[in-house]
C-alpha atoms as a PDB file:
ATOM      1  CA  MET A   1     -24.442   4.026  13.593  1.00  0.00           C
ATOM      2  CA  SER A   2     -26.570   0.572  14.812  1.00  0.00           C
ATOM      3  CA  LYS A   3     -23.837  -1.230  17.907  1.00  0.00           C
ATOM      4  CA  LYS A   4     -24.449  -3.760  15.356  1.00  0.00           C
ATOM      5  CA  ALA A   5     -22.858  -2.645  12.966  1.00  0.00           C
ATOM      6  CA  THR A   6     -18.801  -3.383  12.819  1.00  0.00           C
ATOM      7  CA  GLU A   7     -15.865  -1.151  11.664  1.00  0.00           C
ATOM      8  CA  ALA A   8     -12.623  -2.857  10.805  1.00  0.00           C
ATOM      9  CA  VAL A   9     -10.104  -1.048   9.371  1.00  0.00           C
ATOM     10  CA  LYS A  10      -8.170  -3.184   7.192  1.00  0.00           C
ATOM     11  CA  VAL A  11      -4.457  -2.677   6.675  1.00  0.00           C
ATOM     12  CA  MET A  12      -2.499  -3.181   2.921  1.00  0.00           C
ATOM     13  CA  VAL A  13       1.661  -2.623   2.354  1.00  0.00           C
ATOM     14  CA  ARG A  14       3.053  -2.264  -0.565  1.00  0.00           C
ATOM     15  CA  VAL A  15       7.382  -2.137  -0.746  1.00  0.00           C
ATOM     16  CA  ARG A  16       8.655  -0.026  -3.476  1.00  0.00           C
ATOM     17  CA  PRO A  17      11.667  -0.510  -5.487  1.00  0.00           C
ATOM     18  CA  LEU A  18      15.032   0.466  -4.648  1.00  0.00           C
ATOM     19  CA  ASN A  19      15.436   3.481  -6.717  1.00  0.00           C
ATOM     20  CA  LYS A  20      18.713   4.483  -8.936  1.00  0.00           C
ATOM     21  CA  SER A  21      20.014   6.550  -6.436  1.00  0.00           C
ATOM     22  CA  GLU A  22      19.597   3.863  -3.765  1.00  0.00           C
ATOM     23  CA  LEU A  23      20.936   1.518  -6.498  1.00  0.00           C
ATOM     24  CA  ALA A  24      23.948   3.413  -7.610  1.00  0.00           C
ATOM     25  CA  MET A  25      25.089   3.488  -3.365  1.00  0.00           C
ATOM     26  CA  GLY A  26      25.212   0.211  -3.578  1.00  0.00           C
ATOM     27  CA  GLY A  27      22.154  -0.465  -1.081  1.00  0.00           C
ATOM     28  CA  LYS A  28      20.357  -3.831  -0.309  1.00  0.00           C
ATOM     29  CA  SER A  29      16.309  -4.179  -0.062  1.00  0.00           C
ATOM     30  CA  VAL A  30      16.259  -5.179   3.601  1.00  0.00           C
ATOM     31  CA  VAL A  31      12.328  -6.106   2.928  1.00  0.00           C
ATOM     32  CA  LYS A  32      11.313  -9.824   2.395  1.00  0.00           C
ATOM     33  CA  VAL A  33       7.211 -10.258   0.648  1.00  0.00           C
ATOM     34  CA  ASN A  34       5.633 -13.691   1.513  1.00  0.00           C
ATOM     35  CA  PRO A  35       2.852 -12.895  -0.248  1.00  0.00           C
ATOM     36  CA  LYS A  36       0.745 -16.574   0.618  1.00  0.00           C
ATOM     37  CA  ASP A  37       1.283 -16.525   4.344  1.00  0.00           C
ATOM     38  CA  LEU A  38       1.160 -12.003   4.401  1.00  0.00           C
ATOM     39  CA  THR A  39       3.694 -11.022   5.980  1.00  0.00           C
ATOM     40  CA  VAL A  40       6.986  -9.273   5.419  1.00  0.00           C
ATOM     41  CA  GLU A  41      10.200  -9.301   6.856  1.00  0.00           C
ATOM     42  CA  ILE A  42      12.476  -6.451   7.555  1.00  0.00           C
ATOM     43  CA  SER A  43      16.275  -7.151   8.315  1.00  0.00           C
ATOM     44  CA  ASN A  44      18.914  -5.460   9.993  1.00  0.00           C
ATOM     45  CA  PRO A  45      22.121  -5.494   7.196  1.00  0.00           C
ATOM     46  CA  ASN A  46      24.388  -4.896  10.266  1.00  0.00           C
ATOM     47  CA  GLU A  47      23.850  -7.821  11.630  1.00  0.00           C
ATOM     48  CA  THR A  48      24.896 -11.566  10.392  1.00  0.00           C
ATOM     49  CA  ASN A  49      22.710 -13.746  12.940  1.00  0.00           C
ATOM     50  CA  GLY A  50      19.608 -13.357  10.447  1.00  0.00           C
ATOM     51  CA  ILE A  51      17.444 -12.493  12.645  1.00  0.00           C
ATOM     52  CA  ALA A  52      14.631  -9.902  11.458  1.00  0.00           C
ATOM     53  CA  LYS A  53      10.834  -8.594  12.605  1.00  0.00           C
ATOM     54  CA  LYS A  54       7.896  -9.957  11.591  1.00  0.00           C
ATOM     55  CA  PHE A  55       5.115  -7.897  10.967  1.00  0.00           C
ATOM     56  CA  THR A  56       1.748  -9.716   9.265  1.00  0.00           C
ATOM     57  CA  TYR A  57      -1.300  -7.787   7.035  1.00  0.00           C
ATOM     58  CA  ASP A  58      -4.138  -7.950   5.331  1.00  0.00           C
ATOM     59  CA  ALA A  59      -2.826  -8.098   1.878  1.00  0.00           C
ATOM     60  CA  VAL A  60       0.822  -7.580   1.579  1.00  0.00           C
ATOM     61  CA  TYR A  61       2.273  -6.581  -2.678  1.00  0.00           C
ATOM     62  CA  ASP A  62       6.199  -7.335  -3.757  1.00  0.00           C
ATOM     63  CA  VAL A  63       8.171  -4.530  -5.415  1.00  0.00           C
ATOM     64  CA  ASP A  64       6.422  -6.598  -8.869  1.00  0.00           C
ATOM     65  CA  SER A  65       3.162  -5.338  -8.307  1.00  0.00           C
END
């Protein structure tokens, strides 16, 4: 490979829907996907202050994709 060639890793994320057993146990999604700005926010369900960690990717896909 020549020195002028560049390589880039693209990271794509797909959030899966909760399965039947998770729903039966009362599980709730803690992930919010924003495809417009390519971000995923993960919140802590035990915290009420609304602080979430936000991550940016090359592509993001919600549970409906």
